């Protein structure tokens, strides 16, 4: 990291910019219908804009299948498979078995995104908890980390993760929007915190405090594309190439160069997802 910073100072002194292809978008829904008209072009743009790796999580069985298909087609794309809390009302043991089968693919690096959502409550809470626990146990069985969705369910999510001893195999809090105090509890337990585009918004005080408090070796960046587009593209469809704007804001908060923060978050993601270049 220090070498990159020194090289950047030298290059800038002579009027050059040092560019390093090190961005890892740790959460991007490339299978989303918003990309149906130009998915291949979007992925090519991603490669031309210094994105080294993308983790594409599933949200239901069809999107998990598509995530694996995309990961098999593109070497720099990896997948997670799982059923989002919005969709567990229709979940069955057979679907869980299909998720387990998909997870045997070597390009699948996690179970997710899974968790609890008490904001929209699109599935009954008891069913959300039941299938959250079942998918956590599947992850433990397969020795895979988990990508967690938590919206207005902080207490139950943390309680279940502790009871299931999930931190032993790895926990990533996706698109984190909670308090810095809760984030530090997660970090103490061994979890990673992933930050998305809202960090760039003017009203992002709480998320800025999280980034200030969490050690750099526990941070990741993500787009959650096609959602949560960062400034200056807010209001448009999000794409993985925009992850650099979240990374730049994070670098500014931490007082380091963009390239250094990109490298750190990439290494964190590769370690968490067990990816070797």
Protein backbone atom coordinates (compact mmCIF):
# COMPACT_ATOMS: atom_id res chain seq x y z
CA UNK A 1 0.00 0.00 0.00
CA UNK A 2 2.83 2.39 0.94
CA UNK A 3 4.56 1.73 -2.38
CA UNK A 4 1.41 2.66 -4.33
CA UNK A 5 1.11 5.91 -2.36
CA UNK A 6 4.76 6.80 -2.98
CA UNK A 7 4.50 6.05 -6.69
CA UNK A 8 1.41 8.21 -6.93
CA UNK A 9 3.24 11.17 -5.36
CA UNK A 10 6.12 10.75 -7.81
CA UNK A 11 3.84 10.41 -10.83
CA UNK A 12 1.80 13.47 -9.87
CA UNK A 13 4.95 15.52 -9.42
CA UNK A 14 5.71 14.90 -13.08
CA UNK A 15 2.13 15.53 -14.19
CA UNK A 16 0.94 11.93 -14.55
CA UNK A 17 -1.80 9.92 -12.92
CA UNK A 18 -1.17 6.40 -11.67
CA UNK A 19 -4.01 4.06 -12.66
CA UNK A 20 -4.30 0.57 -11.22
CA UNK A 21 -7.00 -1.95 -12.14
CA UNK A 22 -7.96 -3.00 -8.64
CA UNK A 23 -11.67 -2.39 -8.08
CA UNK A 24 -13.74 -5.26 -6.67
CA UNK A 25 -17.50 -4.66 -6.74
CA UNK A 26 -18.55 -6.98 -3.94
CA UNK A 27 -22.29 -6.89 -4.74
CA UNK A 28 -23.83 -6.28 -8.15
CA UNK A 29 -27.00 -7.80 -9.62
CA UNK A 30 -25.80 -8.28 -13.20
CA UNK A 31 -28.71 -10.66 -13.81
CA UNK A 32 -31.30 -7.91 -13.14
CA UNK A 33 -33.89 -7.20 -15.82
CA UNK A 34 -32.66 -3.59 -16.07
CA UNK A 35 -29.63 -4.99 -17.93
CA UNK A 36 -31.54 -7.23 -20.34
CA UNK A 37 -31.17 -4.86 -23.31
CA UNK A 38 -27.42 -4.26 -23.04
CA UNK A 39 -25.93 -6.71 -20.54
CA UNK A 40 -22.93 -7.71 -22.68
CA UNK A 41 -22.09 -4.09 -23.51
CA UNK A 42 -22.42 -3.14 -19.85
CA UNK A 43 -20.03 -5.93 -18.86
CA UNK A 44 -17.54 -4.80 -21.54
CA UNK A 45 -17.74 -1.24 -20.18
CA UNK A 46 -17.07 -2.67 -16.75
CA UNK A 47 -13.89 -4.37 -17.94
CA UNK A 48 -12.73 -1.18 -19.67
CA UNK A 49 -13.27 0.83 -16.49
CA UNK A 50 -10.80 -0.94 -14.22
CA UNK A 51 -13.13 -3.41 -12.51
CA UNK A 52 -11.11 -6.52 -11.75
CA UNK A 53 -13.78 -8.62 -10.02
CA UNK A 54 -17.54 -8.65 -9.39
CA UNK A 55 -19.57 -10.76 -6.98
CA UNK A 56 -23.09 -11.32 -8.38
CA UNK A 57 -25.50 -12.52 -5.64
CA UNK A 58 -28.79 -14.27 -6.19
CA UNK A 59 -32.07 -13.08 -4.67
CA UNK A 60 -34.31 -16.00 -5.64
CA UNK A 61 -33.82 -19.31 -7.43
CA UNK A 62 -33.95 -17.93 -11.03
CA UNK A 63 -31.54 -15.09 -10.26
CA UNK A 64 -29.21 -17.50 -8.45
CA UNK A 65 -29.19 -19.70 -11.55
CA UNK A 66 -28.48 -16.67 -13.76
CA UNK A 67 -25.72 -15.53 -11.43
CA UNK A 68 -23.98 -18.88 -11.82
CA UNK A 69 -24.44 -18.80 -15.60
CA UNK A 70 -22.82 -15.36 -15.81
CA UNK A 71 -19.98 -16.44 -13.52
CA UNK A 72 -19.31 -19.42 -15.77
CA UNK A 73 -19.19 -17.16 -18.86
CA UNK A 74 -16.90 -14.44 -17.49
CA UNK A 75 -13.70 -15.26 -15.60
CA UNK A 76 -13.77 -12.08 -13.50
CA UNK A 77 -17.37 -12.58 -12.30
CA UNK A 78 -18.22 -14.75 -9.28
CA UNK A 79 -21.57 -15.71 -7.80
CA UNK A 80 -23.42 -16.12 -4.54
CA UNK A 81 -26.66 -18.09 -4.38
CA UNK A 82 -29.59 -17.75 -2.01
CA UNK A 83 -33.15 -16.58 -1.41
CA UNK A 84 -33.76 -12.98 -0.33
CA UNK A 85 -36.16 -12.43 2.61
CA UNK A 86 -38.67 -10.83 0.24
CA UNK A 87 -39.06 -14.17 -1.57
CA UNK A 88 -39.02 -16.78 1.20
CA UNK A 89 -42.81 -16.99 1.50
CA UNK A 90 -42.76 -19.37 -1.48
CA UNK A 91 -39.57 -21.19 -0.43
CA UNK A 92 -39.54 -24.99 -0.06
CA UNK A 93 -37.08 -27.70 0.94
CA UNK A 94 -36.74 -28.53 -2.76
CA UNK A 95 -35.63 -24.95 -3.48
CA UNK A 96 -33.11 -25.13 -0.67
CA UNK A 97 -31.79 -28.35 -2.21
CA UNK A 98 -31.46 -26.61 -5.59
CA UNK A 99 -29.53 -23.76 -3.95
CA UNK A 100 -27.21 -26.37 -2.43
CA UNK A 101 -26.67 -27.95 -5.85
CA UNK A 102 -25.86 -24.55 -7.40
CA UNK A 103 -23.42 -23.86 -4.57
CA UNK A 104 -21.29 -26.84 -5.66
CA UNK A 105 -20.09 -24.79 -8.64
CA UNK A 106 -16.52 -23.57 -8.01
CA UNK A 107 -17.47 -20.04 -9.12
CA UNK A 108 -19.97 -19.79 -6.25
CA UNK A 109 -18.21 -18.10 -3.34
CA UNK A 110 -20.98 -17.44 -0.81
CA UNK A 111 -24.59 -18.00 0.17
CA UNK A 112 -26.54 -14.78 -0.34
CA UNK A 113 -28.09 -12.50 -0.32
CA UNK A 114 -30.04 -13.75 2.65
CA UNK A 115 -31.34 -12.18 5.83
CA UNK A 116 -34.31 -10.33 7.28
CA UNK A 117 -36.30 -7.35 6.02
CA UNK A 118 -38.78 -5.84 8.47
CA UNK A 119 -39.10 -2.61 6.46
CA UNK A 120 -41.15 -3.97 3.58
CA UNK A 121 -42.29 -7.18 5.30
CA UNK A 122 -43.03 -8.86 1.98
CA UNK A 123 -42.78 -12.26 3.67
CA UNK A 124 -44.07 -13.16 7.16
CA UNK A 125 -41.36 -12.58 9.75
CA UNK A 126 -41.47 -16.09 11.15
CA UNK A 127 -40.89 -17.50 7.67
CA UNK A 128 -38.10 -15.00 7.11
CA UNK A 129 -36.37 -16.23 10.26
CA UNK A 130 -36.97 -19.90 9.46
CA UNK A 131 -35.41 -19.74 6.00
CA UNK A 132 -32.68 -17.37 7.09
CA UNK A 133 -31.58 -19.97 9.63
CA UNK A 134 -31.89 -22.83 7.13
CA UNK A 135 -29.69 -21.00 4.62
CA UNK A 136 -27.15 -20.11 7.30
CA UNK A 137 -26.93 -23.79 8.20
CA UNK A 138 -26.46 -24.65 4.54
CA UNK A 139 -23.57 -22.18 4.39
CA UNK A 140 -21.98 -23.80 7.45
CA UNK A 141 -22.45 -27.24 5.90
CA UNK A 142 -20.69 -26.09 2.71
CA UNK A 143 -18.10 -24.00 4.57
CA UNK A 144 -19.12 -20.88 2.67
CA UNK A 145 -19.43 -17.31 3.96
CA UNK A 146 -22.75 -15.47 3.88
CA UNK A 147 -23.86 -12.15 2.36
CA UNK A 148 -26.41 -10.58 4.70
CA UNK A 149 -29.38 -8.33 3.95
CA UNK A 150 -30.58 -6.53 7.08
CA UNK A 151 -33.23 -3.83 6.92
CA UNK A 152 -34.85 -2.68 10.16
CA UNK A 153 -34.12 -6.10 11.68
CA UNK A 154 -30.83 -5.41 13.45
CA UNK A 155 -31.59 -7.17 16.71
CA UNK A 156 -32.89 -10.40 15.19
CA UNK A 157 -30.18 -10.60 12.51
CA UNK A 158 -27.36 -10.23 15.03
CA UNK A 159 -29.01 -12.64 17.48
CA UNK A 160 -29.46 -15.34 14.84
CA UNK A 161 -25.95 -14.93 13.45
CA UNK A 162 -24.53 -15.34 16.95
CA UNK A 163 -26.73 -18.33 17.80
CA UNK A 164 -25.78 -20.06 14.56
CA UNK A 165 -22.08 -19.27 15.13
CA UNK A 166 -21.97 -17.92 11.60
CA UNK A 167 -18.94 -15.72 12.15
CA UNK A 168 -16.79 -18.87 12.06
CA UNK A 169 -17.34 -19.23 8.30
CA UNK A 170 -17.61 -15.54 7.43
CA UNK A 171 -20.22 -12.77 7.47
CA UNK A 172 -20.48 -9.80 5.11
CA UNK A 173 -23.00 -7.10 5.99
CA UNK A 174 -24.14 -5.99 2.54
CA UNK A 175 -25.00 -2.34 1.82
CA UNK A 176 -24.58 -1.48 5.47
CA UNK A 177 -26.86 1.31 6.72
CA UNK A 178 -26.80 0.80 10.48
CA UNK A 179 -25.01 2.69 13.23
CA UNK A 180 -21.27 2.80 13.78
CA UNK A 181 -21.79 1.15 17.18
CA UNK A 182 -23.47 -1.86 15.57
CA UNK A 183 -20.85 -1.96 12.82
CA UNK A 184 -18.10 -2.15 15.44
CA UNK A 185 -19.94 -5.00 17.16
CA UNK A 186 -19.93 -6.88 13.86
CA UNK A 187 -16.26 -6.14 13.25
CA UNK A 188 -15.38 -7.37 16.73
CA UNK A 189 -17.17 -10.64 15.90
CA UNK A 190 -15.12 -10.96 12.69
CA UNK A 191 -17.57 -9.63 10.08
CA UNK A 192 -16.88 -7.35 7.12
CA UNK A 193 -18.85 -4.20 6.30
CA UNK A 194 -19.73 -3.38 2.68
CA UNK A 195 -20.51 0.21 1.70
CA UNK A 196 -22.56 1.27 -1.32
CA UNK A 197 -23.40 4.44 -3.27
CA UNK A 198 -25.35 6.25 -0.51
CA UNK A 199 -21.96 7.05 1.07
CA UNK A 200 -21.64 9.73 -1.64
CA UNK A 201 -24.95 11.43 -0.81
CA UNK A 202 -25.08 14.75 1.05
CA UNK A 203 -27.17 13.29 3.89
CA UNK A 204 -24.84 10.31 4.47
CA UNK A 205 -23.63 11.42 7.90
CA UNK A 206 -24.35 8.07 9.59
CA UNK A 207 -22.58 6.06 6.88
CA UNK A 208 -19.62 8.45 6.95
CA UNK A 209 -19.34 7.78 10.70
CA UNK A 210 -19.31 4.04 9.99
CA UNK A 211 -16.47 4.39 7.48
CA UNK A 212 -14.54 6.58 9.92
CA UNK A 213 -14.92 3.99 12.70
CA UNK A 214 -14.43 0.67 10.90
CA UNK A 215 -10.81 -0.43 10.31
CA UNK A 216 -9.83 -0.48 6.63
CA UNK A 217 -9.12 -4.20 6.72
CA UNK A 218 -12.84 -4.83 7.37
CA UNK A 219 -14.30 -2.63 4.63
CA UNK A 220 -15.55 -3.51 1.14
CA UNK A 221 -17.18 -1.47 -1.62
CA UNK A 222 -20.20 -2.34 -3.74
CA UNK A 223 -22.69 -0.88 -6.17
CA UNK A 224 -25.79 -3.02 -5.53
CA UNK A 225 -26.34 -2.29 -9.23
CA UNK A 226 -28.74 -1.51 -10.80
CA UNK A 227 -29.81 0.25 -7.58
CA UNK A 228 -28.31 2.91 -5.26
CA UNK A 229 -26.39 4.82 -7.91
CA UNK A 230 -23.71 7.08 -6.40
CA UNK A 231 -23.17 10.74 -7.10
CA UNK A 232 -22.67 12.19 -9.68
CA UNK A 233 -24.92 9.66 -11.49
CA UNK A 234 -27.69 9.47 -8.91
CA UNK A 235 -31.05 8.95 -10.61
CA UNK A 236 -29.58 6.85 -13.41
CA UNK A 237 -29.20 3.09 -13.59
CA UNK A 238 -26.26 1.94 -11.53
CA UNK A 239 -23.42 -0.11 -13.05
CA UNK A 240 -20.31 -1.77 -11.58
CA UNK A 241 -18.02 0.84 -13.14
CA UNK A 242 -19.52 3.47 -10.80
CA UNK A 243 -18.06 1.71 -7.76
CA UNK A 244 -14.99 3.95 -8.08
CA UNK A 245 -17.08 6.92 -6.84
CA UNK A 246 -17.93 5.13 -3.60
CA UNK A 247 -14.30 4.08 -3.30
CA UNK A 248 -13.12 7.67 -3.85
CA UNK A 249 -15.43 8.96 -1.10
CA UNK A 250 -14.22 6.22 1.22
CA UNK A 251 -10.60 7.10 0.41
CA UNK A 252 -11.27 10.77 1.17
CA UNK A 253 -12.79 9.88 4.54
CA UNK A 254 -9.87 7.62 5.42
CA UNK A 255 -7.28 10.10 4.13
CA UNK A 256 -5.65 7.80 1.56
CA UNK A 257 -5.32 7.76 -2.22
CA UNK A 258 -8.02 6.18 -4.37
CA UNK A 259 -5.64 3.46 -5.61
CA UNK A 260 -4.72 2.49 -2.06
CA UNK A 261 -8.34 2.18 -0.94
CA UNK A 262 -9.21 0.24 -4.10
CA UNK A 263 -6.37 -2.18 -3.43
CA UNK A 264 -7.30 -2.62 0.23
CA UNK A 265 -10.98 -3.29 -0.48
CA UNK A 266 -10.07 -5.65 -3.30
CA UNK A 267 -7.76 -7.66 -1.04
CA UNK A 268 -10.44 -7.75 1.67
CA UNK A 269 -13.00 -9.10 -0.80
CA UNK A 270 -10.64 -11.68 -2.25
CA UNK A 271 -9.79 -12.92 1.24
CA UNK A 272 -13.44 -13.07 2.30
CA UNK A 273 -14.62 -14.84 -0.88
CA UNK A 274 -11.55 -17.07 -1.04
CA UNK A 275 -10.55 -15.93 -4.54
CA UNK A 276 -7.00 -16.39 -5.78
CA UNK A 277 -5.82 -14.50 -8.87
